[in-house]
Amino acid sequence: MPGHLLHEHAVVECAHVPGHASPKQTDLRVTVSGQRIVTKPMLYRISGCSNPPPSSGSGPCLTATWTSAAERIKASGYPVLLADSEARCTPTNTPLKIVSTQTRVKGT
């Protein structure tokens, strides 16, 4: 099933609201709706995670790595991220949640 391409200003959160996730870098050559897209190898940094520190929990989410992406579309040689792509946070191993992204371009 096609999913919308993920871009630099998409709303992405960790499982511990209000943890906000954003890409550390974007693809410099491809844009959708005037915003740069994101590809699979690019890490996301997380700020505002409410997970308790290591003394009572595993600590707040710091970064996230993508585990799935488009199978048929690449940008700069890497698979692009879609609204249904999956990621895991470090150190909690919880998923990221894509709340909203652009709705003009879809891929598989």
PDB file of N, CA and C in Angstrom:
ATOM      1  N   MET A   1       0.837  -1.176   0.000  1.00  0.00           N
ATOM      2  CA  MET A   1       0.000   0.000   0.000  1.00  0.00           C
ATOM      3  C   MET A   1       0.885   1.244   0.000  1.00  0.00           C
ATOM      4  N   PRO A   2       0.594   2.233  -0.858  1.00  0.00           N
ATOM      5  CA  PRO A   2       1.409   3.443  -0.910  1.00  0.00           C
ATOM      6  C   PRO A   2       1.282   4.277   0.354  1.00  0.00           C
ATOM      7  N   GLY A   3       2.365   4.947   0.696  1.00  0.00           N
ATOM      8  CA  GLY A   3       2.369   5.858   1.834  1.00  0.00           C
ATOM      9  C   GLY A   3       2.914   7.205   1.399  1.00  0.00           C
ATOM     10  N   HIS A   4       2.534   8.252   2.078  1.00  0.00           N
ATOM     11  CA  HIS A   4       3.022   9.588   1.751  1.00  0.00           C
ATOM     12  C   HIS A   4       4.488   9.725   2.160  1.00  0.00           C
ATOM     13  N   LEU A   5       5.261  10.431   1.329  1.00  0.00           N
ATOM     14  CA  LEU A   5       6.676  10.641   1.629  1.00  0.00           C
ATOM     15  C   LEU A   5       6.837  11.523   2.860  1.00  0.00           C
ATOM     16  N   LEU A   6       7.815  11.173   3.684  1.00  0.00           N
ATOM     17  CA  LEU A   6       8.109  11.922   4.902  1.00  0.00           C
ATOM     18  C   LEU A   6       9.043  13.084   4.561  1.00  0.00           C
ATOM     19  N   HIS A   7       8.795  14.239   5.128  1.00  0.00           N
ATOM     20  CA  HIS A   7       9.628  15.415   4.874  1.00  0.00           C
ATOM     21  C   HIS A   7      10.163  15.978   6.191  1.00  0.00           C
ATOM     22  N   GLU A   8      11.046  16.946   6.072  1.00  0.00           N
ATOM     23  CA  GLU A   8      11.759  17.472   7.236  1.00  0.00           C
ATOM     24  C   GLU A   8      10.868  18.078   8.314  1.00  0.00           C
ATOM     25  N   HIS A   9       9.695  18.591   7.960  1.00  0.00           N
ATOM     26  CA  HIS A   9       8.826  19.217   8.960  1.00  0.00           C
ATOM     27  C   HIS A   9       7.599  18.380   9.295  1.00  0.00           C
ATOM     28  N   ALA A  10       7.633  17.099   8.969  1.00  0.00           N
ATOM     29  CA  ALA A  10       6.549  16.196   9.361  1.00  0.00           C
ATOM     30  C   ALA A  10       6.513  16.130  10.888  1.00  0.00           C
ATOM     31  N   VAL A  11       5.342  15.911  11.445  1.00  0.00           N
ATOM     32  CA  VAL A  11       5.213  15.799  12.902  1.00  0.00           C
ATOM     33  C   VAL A  11       5.443  14.337  13.277  1.00  0.00           C
ATOM     34  N   VAL A  12       6.539  14.102  14.007  1.00  0.00           N
ATOM     35  CA  VAL A  12       6.929  12.759  14.424  1.00  0.00           C
ATOM     36  C   VAL A  12       7.213  12.799  15.924  1.00  0.00           C
ATOM     37  N   GLU A  13       6.691  11.810  16.660  1.00  0.00           N
ATOM     38  CA  GLU A  13       6.852  11.781  18.114  1.00  0.00           C
ATOM     39  C   GLU A  13       7.357  10.426  18.579  1.00  0.00           C
ATOM     40  N   CYS A  14       8.021  10.409  19.732  1.00  0.00           N
ATOM     41  CA  CYS A  14       8.340   9.134  20.357  1.00  0.00           C
ATOM     42  C   CYS A  14       7.108   8.671  21.130  1.00  0.00           C
ATOM     43  N   ALA A  15       7.159   7.482  21.675  1.00  0.00           N
ATOM     44  CA  ALA A  15       6.003   6.925  22.384  1.00  0.00           C
ATOM     45  C   ALA A  15       5.723   7.639  23.702  1.00  0.00           C
ATOM     46  N   HIS A  16       6.665   8.430  24.176  1.00  0.00           N
ATOM     47  CA  HIS A  16       6.525   9.120  25.467  1.00  0.00           C
ATOM     48  C   HIS A  16       6.229  10.593  25.228  1.00  0.00           C
ATOM     49  N   VAL A  17       4.981  10.882  25.008  1.00  0.00           N
ATOM     50  CA  VAL A  17       4.560  12.252  24.716  1.00  0.00           C
ATOM     51  C   VAL A  17       5.041  13.165  25.825  1.00  0.00           C
ATOM     52  N   PRO A  18       5.587  14.300  25.568  1.00  0.00           N
ATOM     53  CA  PRO A  18       5.587  15.049  24.325  1.00  0.00           C
ATOM     54  C   PRO A  18       6.892  14.940  23.540  1.00  0.00           C
ATOM     55  N   GLY A  19       7.539  13.805  23.505  1.00  0.00           N
ATOM     56  CA  GLY A  19       8.803  13.650  22.789  1.00  0.00           C
ATOM     57  C   GLY A  19       8.683  13.958  21.308  1.00  0.00           C
ATOM     58  N   HIS A  20       9.347  15.002  20.858  1.00  0.00           N
ATOM     59  CA  HIS A  20       9.309  15.425  19.458  1.00  0.00           C
ATOM     60  C   HIS A  20      10.562  14.921  18.739  1.00  0.00           C
ATOM     61  N   ALA A  21      10.373  14.318  17.572  1.00  0.00           N
ATOM     62  CA  ALA A  21      11.491  13.778  16.802  1.00  0.00           C
ATOM     63  C   ALA A  21      11.670  14.573  15.513  1.00  0.00           C
ATOM     64  N   SER A  22      12.926  14.847  15.165  1.00  0.00           N
ATOM     65  CA  SER A  22      13.227  15.562  13.924  1.00  0.00           C
ATOM     66  C   SER A  22      14.505  14.989  13.312  1.00  0.00           C
ATOM     67  N   PRO A  23      14.631  15.062  11.987  1.00  0.00           N
ATOM     68  CA  PRO A  23      15.803  14.487  11.330  1.00  0.00           C
ATOM     69  C   PRO A  23      17.064  15.292  11.615  1.00  0.00           C
ATOM     70  N   LYS A  24      18.187  14.573  11.793  1.00  0.00           N
ATOM     71  CA  LYS A  24      19.466  15.254  11.975  1.00  0.00           C
ATOM     72  C   LYS A  24      19.933  15.860  10.660  1.00  0.00           C
ATOM     73  N   GLN A  25      19.516  15.254   9.537  1.00  0.00           N
ATOM     74  CA  GLN A  25      19.810  15.812   8.229  1.00  0.00           C
ATOM     75  C   GLN A  25      18.749  15.348   7.250  1.00  0.00           C
ATOM     76  N   THR A  26      18.708  15.965   6.098  1.00  0.00           N
ATOM     77  CA  THR A  26      17.711  15.644   5.085  1.00  0.00           C
ATOM     78  C   THR A  26      18.411  15.438   3.748  1.00  0.00           C
ATOM     79  N   ASP A  27      17.662  14.951   2.771  1.00  0.00           N
ATOM     80  CA  ASP A  27      18.203  14.831   1.426  1.00  0.00           C
ATOM     81  C   ASP A  27      18.261  16.243   0.832  1.00  0.00           C
ATOM     82  N   LEU A  28      19.406  16.612   0.309  1.00  0.00           N
ATOM     83  CA  LEU A  28      19.589  17.975  -0.183  1.00  0.00           C
ATOM     84  C   LEU A  28      19.064  18.183  -1.597  1.00  0.00           C
ATOM     85  N   ARG A  29      18.715  17.100  -2.291  1.00  0.00           N
ATOM     86  CA  ARG A  29      18.357  17.213  -3.701  1.00  0.00           C
ATOM     87  C   ARG A  29      16.867  17.064  -3.990  1.00  0.00           C
ATOM     88  N   VAL A  30      16.101  16.431  -3.102  1.00  0.00           N
ATOM     89  CA  VAL A  30      14.697  16.140  -3.402  1.00  0.00           C
ATOM     90  C   VAL A  30      13.784  16.834  -2.391  1.00  0.00           C
ATOM     91  N   THR A  31      12.745  17.500  -2.910  1.00  0.00           N
ATOM     92  CA  THR A  31      11.763  18.145  -2.042  1.00  0.00           C
ATOM     93  C   THR A  31      10.348  17.745  -2.459  1.00  0.00           C
ATOM     94  N   VAL A  32       9.436  17.791  -1.513  1.00  0.00           N
ATOM     95  CA  VAL A  32       8.000  17.647  -1.769  1.00  0.00           C
ATOM     96  C   VAL A  32       7.317  18.801  -1.049  1.00  0.00           C
ATOM     97  N   SER A  33       6.394  19.433  -1.736  1.00  0.00           N
ATOM     98  CA  SER A  33       5.703  20.600  -1.175  1.00  0.00           C
ATOM     99  C   SER A  33       6.693  21.627  -0.637  1.00  0.00           C
ATOM    100  N   GLY A  34       7.847  21.752  -1.304  1.00  0.00           N
ATOM    101  CA  GLY A  34       8.854  22.731  -0.906  1.00  0.00           C
ATOM    102  C   GLY A  34       9.695  22.351   0.298  1.00  0.00           C
ATOM    103  N   GLN A  35       9.560  21.113   0.790  1.00  0.00           N
ATOM    104  CA  GLN A  35      10.326  20.677   1.959  1.00  0.00           C
ATOM    105  C   GLN A  35      11.184  19.470   1.601  1.00  0.00           C
ATOM    106  N   ARG A  36      12.369  19.418   2.153  1.00  0.00           N
ATOM    107  CA  ARG A  36      13.279  18.310   1.876  1.00  0.00           C
ATOM    108  C   ARG A  36      12.742  17.002   2.439  1.00  0.00           C
ATOM    109  N   ILE A  37      12.960  15.918   1.695  1.00  0.00           N
ATOM    110  CA  ILE A  37      12.530  14.604   2.171  1.00  0.00           C
ATOM    111  C   ILE A  37      13.605  13.981   3.043  1.00  0.00           C
ATOM    112  N   VAL A  38      13.266  12.859   3.667  1.00  0.00           N
ATOM    113  CA  VAL A  38      14.191  12.152   4.549  1.00  0.00           C
ATOM    114  C   VAL A  38      14.335  10.722   4.037  1.00  0.00           C
ATOM    115  N   THR A  39      15.559  10.183   4.106  1.00  0.00           N
ATOM    116  CA  THR A  39      15.815   8.813   3.662  1.00  0.00           C
ATOM    117  C   THR A  39      16.180   7.923   4.844  1.00  0.00           C
ATOM    118  N   LYS A  40      16.160   6.620   4.613  1.00  0.00           N
ATOM    119  CA  LYS A  40      16.305   5.632   5.693  1.00  0.00           C
ATOM    120  C   LYS A  40      17.561   5.775   6.556  1.00  0.00           C
ATOM    121  N   PRO A  41      18.747   6.014   6.007  1.00  0.00           N
ATOM    122  CA  PRO A  41      19.911   6.038   6.911  1.00  0.00           C
ATOM    123  C   PRO A  41      19.996   7.248   7.840  1.00  0.00           C
ATOM    124  N   MET A  42      19.121   8.227   7.645  1.00  0.00           N
ATOM    125  CA  MET A  42      19.210   9.450   8.453  1.00  0.00           C
ATOM    126  C   MET A  42      18.595   9.254   9.837  1.00  0.00           C
ATOM    127  N   LEU A  43      19.378   9.567  10.858  1.00  0.00           N
ATOM    128  CA  LEU A  43      18.918   9.455  12.244  1.00  0.00           C
ATOM    129  C   LEU A  43      17.958  10.587  12.589  1.00  0.00           C
ATOM    130  N   TYR A  44      17.095  10.311  13.534  1.00  0.00           N
ATOM    131  CA  TYR A  44      16.223  11.347  14.091  1.00  0.00           C
ATOM    132  C   TYR A  44      16.689  11.615  15.511  1.00  0.00           C
ATOM    133  N   ARG A  45      16.700  12.872  15.913  1.00  0.00           N
ATOM    134  CA  ARG A  45      16.997  13.233  17.307  1.00  0.00           C
ATOM    135  C   ARG A  45      15.669  13.500  18.000  1.00  0.00           C
ATOM    136  N   ILE A  46      15.629  13.204  19.273  1.00  0.00           N
ATOM    137  CA  ILE A  46      14.381  13.324  20.028  1.00  0.00           C
ATOM    138  C   ILE A  46      14.592  14.282  21.193  1.00  0.00           C
ATOM    139  N   SER A  47      13.658  15.200  21.347  1.00  0.00           N
ATOM    140  CA  SER A  47      13.723  16.143  22.465  1.00  0.00           C
ATOM    141  C   SER A  47      12.392  16.114  23.204  1.00  0.00           C
ATOM    142  N   GLY A  48      12.446  16.333  24.493  1.00  0.00           N
ATOM    143  CA  GLY A  48      11.232  16.412  25.297  1.00  0.00           C
ATOM    144  C   GLY A  48      10.630  15.078  25.697  1.00  0.00           C
ATOM    145  N   CYS A  49      11.369  13.982  25.549  1.00  0.00           N
ATOM    146  CA  CYS A  49      10.845  12.668  25.932  1.00  0.00           C
ATOM    147  C   CYS A  49      10.608  12.631  27.440  1.00  0.00           C
ATOM    148  N   SER A  50       9.440  12.114  27.843  1.00  0.00           N
ATOM    149  CA  SER A  50       9.084  12.102  29.271  1.00  0.00           C
ATOM    150  C   SER A  50       9.396  10.783  29.976  1.00  0.00           C
ATOM    151  N   ASN A  51      10.093   9.861  29.302  1.00  0.00           N
ATOM    152  CA  ASN A  51      10.430   8.590  29.957  1.00  0.00           C
ATOM    153  C   ASN A  51      11.379   8.852  31.124  1.00  0.00           C
ATOM    154  N   PRO A  52      11.170   8.194  32.270  1.00  0.00           N
ATOM    155  CA  PRO A  52      12.008   8.450  33.453  1.00  0.00           C
ATOM    156  C   PRO A  52      13.486   8.108  33.226  1.00  0.00           C
ATOM    157  N   PRO A  53      14.380   8.775  33.977  1.00  0.00           N
ATOM    158  CA  PRO A  53      15.815   8.503  33.865  1.00  0.00           C
ATOM    159  C   PRO A  53      16.165   7.080  34.305  1.00  0.00           C
ATOM    160  N   PRO A  54      17.398   6.640  34.018  1.00  0.00           N
ATOM    161  CA  PRO A  54      17.799   5.260  34.291  1.00  0.00           C
ATOM    162  C   PRO A  54      17.558   4.733  35.698  1.00  0.00           C
ATOM    163  N   SER A  55      17.527   5.577  36.711  1.00  0.00           N
ATOM    164  CA  SER A  55      17.308   5.064  38.071  1.00  0.00           C
ATOM    165  C   SER A  55      15.926   4.428  38.232  1.00  0.00           C
ATOM    166  N   SER A  56      14.931   4.896  37.464  1.00  0.00           N
ATOM    167  CA  SER A  56      13.589   4.319  37.578  1.00  0.00           C
ATOM    168  C   SER A  56      13.038   3.817  36.240  1.00  0.00           C
ATOM    169  N   GLY A  57      13.741   4.042  35.165  1.00  0.00           N
ATOM    170  CA  GLY A  57      13.312   3.605  33.837  1.00  0.00           C
ATOM    171  C   GLY A  57      14.522   3.399  32.949  1.00  0.00           C
ATOM    172  N   SER A  58      14.301   3.332  31.662  1.00  0.00           N
ATOM    173  CA  SER A  58      15.433   3.123  30.742  1.00  0.00           C
ATOM    174  C   SER A  58      16.007   4.433  30.247  1.00  0.00           C
ATOM    175  N   GLY A  59      15.456   5.541  30.710  1.00  0.00           N
ATOM    176  CA  GLY A  59      15.951   6.841  30.292  1.00  0.00           C
ATOM    177  C   GLY A  59      15.138   7.389  29.148  1.00  0.00           C
ATOM    178  N   PRO A  60      15.293   8.675  28.863  1.00  0.00           N
ATOM    179  CA  PRO A  60      14.529   9.273  27.775  1.00  0.00           C
ATOM    180  C   PRO A  60      15.036   8.821  26.400  1.00  0.00           C
ATOM    181  N   CYS A  61      14.137   8.850  25.426  1.00  0.00           N
ATOM    182  CA  CYS A  61      14.533   8.559  24.046  1.00  0.00           C
ATOM    183  C   CYS A  61      15.472   9.672  23.580  1.00  0.00           C
ATOM    184  N   LEU A  62      16.560   9.303  22.911  1.00  0.00           N
ATOM    185  CA  LEU A  62      17.536  10.286  22.447  1.00  0.00           C
ATOM    186  C   LEU A  62      17.600  10.366  20.929  1.00  0.00           C
ATOM    187  N   THR A  63      17.645   9.206  20.282  1.00  0.00           N
ATOM    188  CA  THR A  63      17.700   9.141  18.827  1.00  0.00           C
ATOM    189  C   THR A  63      16.805   8.004  18.353  1.00  0.00           C
ATOM    190  N   ALA A  64      16.555   7.980  17.055  1.00  0.00           N
ATOM    191  CA  ALA A  64      15.776   6.893  16.465  1.00  0.00           C
ATOM    192  C   ALA A  64      16.400   6.496  15.136  1.00  0.00           C
ATOM    193  N   THR A  65      16.369   5.188  14.866  1.00  0.00           N
ATOM    194  CA  THR A  65      16.878   4.621  13.627  1.00  0.00           C
ATOM    195  C   THR A  65      15.726   3.972  12.881  1.00  0.00           C
ATOM    196  N   TRP A  66      15.629   4.214  11.601  1.00  0.00           N
ATOM    197  CA  TRP A  66      14.543   3.672  10.779  1.00  0.00           C
ATOM    198  C   TRP A  66      14.818   2.227  10.401  1.00  0.00           C
ATOM    199  N   THR A  67      13.805   1.392  10.530  1.00  0.00           N
ATOM    200  CA  THR A  67      13.952  -0.033  10.212  1.00  0.00           C
ATOM    201  C   THR A  67      13.238  -0.415   8.929  1.00  0.00           C
ATOM    202  N   SER A  68      12.357   0.454   8.420  1.00  0.00           N
ATOM    203  CA  SER A  68      11.697   0.191   7.139  1.00  0.00           C
ATOM    204  C   SER A  68      11.550   1.491   6.368  1.00  0.00           C
ATOM    205  N   ALA A  69      11.451   1.360   5.045  1.00  0.00           N
ATOM    206  CA  ALA A  69      11.320   2.522   4.165  1.00  0.00           C
ATOM    207  C   ALA A  69      10.703   2.050   2.855  1.00  0.00           C
ATOM    208  N   ALA A  70      10.612   2.943   1.890  1.00  0.00           N
ATOM    209  CA  ALA A  70      10.058   2.589   0.579  1.00  0.00           C
ATOM    210  C   ALA A  70      10.889   1.487  -0.057  1.00  0.00           C
ATOM    211  N   GLU A  71      10.225   0.589  -0.763  1.00  0.00           N
ATOM    212  CA  GLU A  71      10.926  -0.492  -1.447  1.00  0.00           C
ATOM    213  C   GLU A  71      11.296  -0.114  -2.871  1.00  0.00           C
ATOM    214  N   ARG A  72      10.551   0.811  -3.462  1.00  0.00           N
ATOM    215  CA  ARG A  72      10.733   1.101  -4.871  1.00  0.00           C
ATOM    216  C   ARG A  72      11.245   2.500  -5.180  1.00  0.00           C
ATOM    217  N   ILE A  73      11.309   3.367  -4.202  1.00  0.00           N
ATOM    218  CA  ILE A  73      11.716   4.751  -4.458  1.00  0.00           C
ATOM    219  C   ILE A  73      12.973   5.078  -3.658  1.00  0.00           C
ATOM    220  N   LYS A  74      13.954   5.661  -4.359  1.00  0.00           N
ATOM    221  CA  LYS A  74      15.195   6.075  -3.703  1.00  0.00           C
ATOM    222  C   LYS A  74      15.491   7.527  -4.045  1.00  0.00           C
ATOM    223  N   ALA A  75      16.204   8.173  -3.145  1.00  0.00           N
ATOM    224  CA  ALA A  75      16.703   9.525  -3.364  1.00  0.00           C
ATOM    225  C   ALA A  75      18.168   9.513  -2.963  1.00  0.00           C
ATOM    226  N   SER A  76      19.026  10.017  -3.823  1.00  0.00           N
ATOM    227  CA  SER A  76      20.475  10.010  -3.573  1.00  0.00           C
ATOM    228  C   SER A  76      20.967   8.609  -3.243  1.00  0.00           C
ATOM    229  N   GLY A  77      20.319   7.584  -3.811  1.00  0.00           N
ATOM    230  CA  GLY A  77      20.742   6.199  -3.631  1.00  0.00           C
ATOM    231  C   GLY A  77      20.180   5.493  -2.405  1.00  0.00           C
ATOM    232  N   TYR A  78      19.341   6.164  -1.622  1.00  0.00           N
ATOM    233  CA  TYR A  78      18.798   5.574  -0.391  1.00  0.00           C
ATOM    234  C   TYR A  78      17.272   5.504  -0.452  1.00  0.00           C
ATOM    235  N   PRO A  79      16.675   4.489   0.192  1.00  0.00           N
ATOM    236  CA  PRO A  79      15.211   4.398   0.233  1.00  0.00           C
ATOM    237  C   PRO A  79      14.622   5.595   0.986  1.00  0.00           C
ATOM    238  N   VAL A  80      13.539   6.158   0.434  1.00  0.00           N
ATOM    239  CA  VAL A  80      12.888   7.288   1.098  1.00  0.00           C
ATOM    240  C   VAL A  80      11.975   6.779   2.214  1.00  0.00           C
ATOM    241  N   LEU A  81      11.744   7.633   3.203  1.00  0.00           N
ATOM    242  CA  LEU A  81      10.840   7.286   4.297  1.00  0.00           C
ATOM    243  C   LEU A  81       9.413   7.645   3.928  1.00  0.00           C
ATOM    244  N   LEU A  82       8.492   6.796   4.363  1.00  0.00           N
ATOM    245  CA  LEU A  82       7.070   6.978   4.097  1.00  0.00           C
ATOM    246  C   LEU A  82       6.310   7.131   5.405  1.00  0.00           C
ATOM    247  N   ALA A  83       5.069   7.549   5.323  1.00  0.00           N
ATOM    248  CA  ALA A  83       4.240   7.728   6.520  1.00  0.00           C
ATOM    249  C   ALA A  83       4.020   6.426   7.270  1.00  0.00           C
ATOM    250  N   ASP A  84       4.218   5.283   6.606  1.00  0.00           N
ATOM    251  CA  ASP A  84       4.075   3.996   7.297  1.00  0.00           C
ATOM    252  C   ASP A  84       5.424   3.340   7.603  1.00  0.00           C
ATOM    253  N   SER A  85       6.526   4.080   7.445  1.00  0.00           N
ATOM    254  CA  SER A  85       7.849   3.549   7.803  1.00  0.00           C
ATOM    255  C   SER A  85       7.932   3.372   9.315  1.00  0.00           C
ATOM    256  N   GLU A  86       8.803   2.463   9.742  1.00  0.00           N
ATOM    257  CA  GLU A  86       8.942   2.186  11.174  1.00  0.00           C
ATOM    258  C   GLU A  86      10.340   2.535  11.652  1.00  0.00           C
ATOM    259  N   ALA A  87      10.415   2.968  12.913  1.00  0.00           N
ATOM    260  CA  ALA A  87      11.684   3.327  13.535  1.00  0.00           C
ATOM    261  C   ALA A  87      11.690   2.885  14.986  1.00  0.00           C
ATOM    262  N   ARG A  88      12.873   2.715  15.540  1.00  0.00           N
ATOM    263  CA  ARG A  88      13.049   2.352  16.949  1.00  0.00           C
ATOM    264  C   ARG A  88      13.925   3.390  17.627  1.00  0.00           C
ATOM    265  N   CYS A  89      13.504   3.778  18.828  1.00  0.00           N
ATOM    266  CA  CYS A  89      14.236   4.774  19.608  1.00  0.00           C
ATOM    267  C   CYS A  89      15.336   4.118  20.431  1.00  0.00           C
ATOM    268  N   THR A  90      16.377   4.885  20.686  1.00  0.00           N
ATOM    269  CA  THR A  90      17.463   4.464  21.560  1.00  0.00           C
ATOM    270  C   THR A  90      17.457   5.383  22.766  1.00  0.00           C
ATOM    271  N   PRO A  91      17.538   4.892  23.967  1.00  0.00           N
ATOM    272  CA  PRO A  91      17.786   3.529  24.421  1.00  0.00           C
ATOM    273  C   PRO A  91      16.531   2.729  24.754  1.00  0.00           C
ATOM    274  N   THR A  92      15.337   3.264  24.519  1.00  0.00           N
ATOM    275  CA  THR A  92      14.108   2.623  24.996  1.00  0.00           C
ATOM    276  C   THR A  92      13.576   1.504  24.104  1.00  0.00           C
ATOM    277  N   ASN A  93      13.984   1.476  22.856  1.00  0.00           N
ATOM    278  CA  ASN A  93      13.515   0.509  21.860  1.00  0.00           C
ATOM    279  C   ASN A  93      12.010   0.627  21.593  1.00  0.00           C
ATOM    280  N   THR A  94      11.441   1.796  21.834  1.00  0.00           N
ATOM    281  CA  THR A  94      10.037   2.049  21.528  1.00  0.00           C
ATOM    282  C   THR A  94       9.933   2.639  20.118  1.00  0.00           C
ATOM    283  N   PRO A  95       8.763   2.549  19.493  1.00  0.00           N
ATOM    284  CA  PRO A  95       8.624   3.058  18.125  1.00  0.00           C
ATOM    285  C   PRO A  95       8.405   4.567  18.071  1.00  0.00           C
ATOM    286  N   LEU A  96       8.712   5.130  16.904  1.00  0.00           N
ATOM    287  CA  LEU A  96       8.305   6.503  16.620  1.00  0.00           C
ATOM    288  C   LEU A  96       6.904   6.469  16.051  1.00  0.00           C
ATOM    289  N   LYS A  97       6.163   7.556  16.214  1.00  0.00           N
ATOM    290  CA  LYS A  97       4.819   7.657  15.658  1.00  0.00           C
ATOM    291  C   LYS A  97       4.805   8.862  14.720  1.00  0.00           C
ATOM    292  N   ILE A  98       4.457   8.608  13.448  1.00  0.00           N
ATOM    293  CA  ILE A  98       4.341   9.683  12.473  1.00  0.00           C
ATOM    294  C   ILE A  98       2.919  10.229  12.580  1.00  0.00           C
ATOM    295  N   VAL A  99       2.804  11.449  13.052  1.00  0.00           N
ATOM    296  CA  VAL A  99       1.502  12.061  13.301  1.00  0.00           C
ATOM    297  C   VAL A  99       0.948  12.705  12.031  1.00  0.00           C
ATOM    298  N   SER A 100       1.780  13.453  11.312  1.00  0.00           N
ATOM    299  CA  SER A 100       1.323  14.065  10.061  1.00  0.00           C
ATOM    300  C   SER A 100       2.498  14.360   9.151  1.00  0.00           C
ATOM    301  N   THR A 101       2.227  14.322   7.858  1.00  0.00           N
ATOM    302  CA  THR A 101       3.217  14.647   6.832  1.00  0.00           C
ATOM    303  C   THR A 101       2.470  15.218   5.629  1.00  0.00           C
ATOM    304  N   GLN A 102       3.190  15.558   4.584  1.00  0.00           N
ATOM    305  CA  GLN A 102       2.553  16.102   3.381  1.00  0.00           C
ATOM    306  C   GLN A 102       1.654  15.025   2.766  1.00  0.00           C
ATOM    307  N   THR A 103       0.675  15.435   1.986  1.00  0.00           N
ATOM    308  CA  THR A 103      -0.268  14.470   1.426  1.00  0.00           C
ATOM    309  C   THR A 103      -0.354  14.531  -0.094  1.00  0.00           C
ATOM    310  N   ARG A 104       0.634  15.108  -0.749  1.00  0.00           N
ATOM    311  CA  ARG A 104       0.591  15.224  -2.201  1.00  0.00           C
ATOM    312  C   ARG A 104       1.322  14.103  -2.913  1.00  0.00           C
ATOM    313  N   VAL A 105       2.400  13.573  -2.327  1.00  0.00           N
ATOM    314  CA  VAL A 105       3.230  12.583  -3.013  1.00  0.00           C
ATOM    315  C   VAL A 105       3.220  11.284  -2.240  1.00  0.00           C
ATOM    316  N   LYS A 106       2.900  10.177  -2.947  1.00  0.00           N
ATOM    317  CA  LYS A 106       2.890   8.841  -2.351  1.00  0.00           C
ATOM    318  C   LYS A 106       3.950   7.981  -3.006  1.00  0.00           C
ATOM    319  N   GLY A 107       4.390   6.970  -2.259  1.00  0.00           N
ATOM    320  CA  GLY A 107       5.347   6.005  -2.790  1.00  0.00           C
ATOM    321  C   GLY A 107       5.151   4.646  -2.162  1.00  0.00           C
ATOM    322  N   THR A 108       5.837   3.653  -2.753  1.00  0.00           N
ATOM    323  CA  THR A 108       5.795   2.290  -2.211  1.00  0.00           C
ATOM    324  C   THR A 108       7.193   1.755  -2.063  1.00  0.00           C
TER     325      THR A 108
END
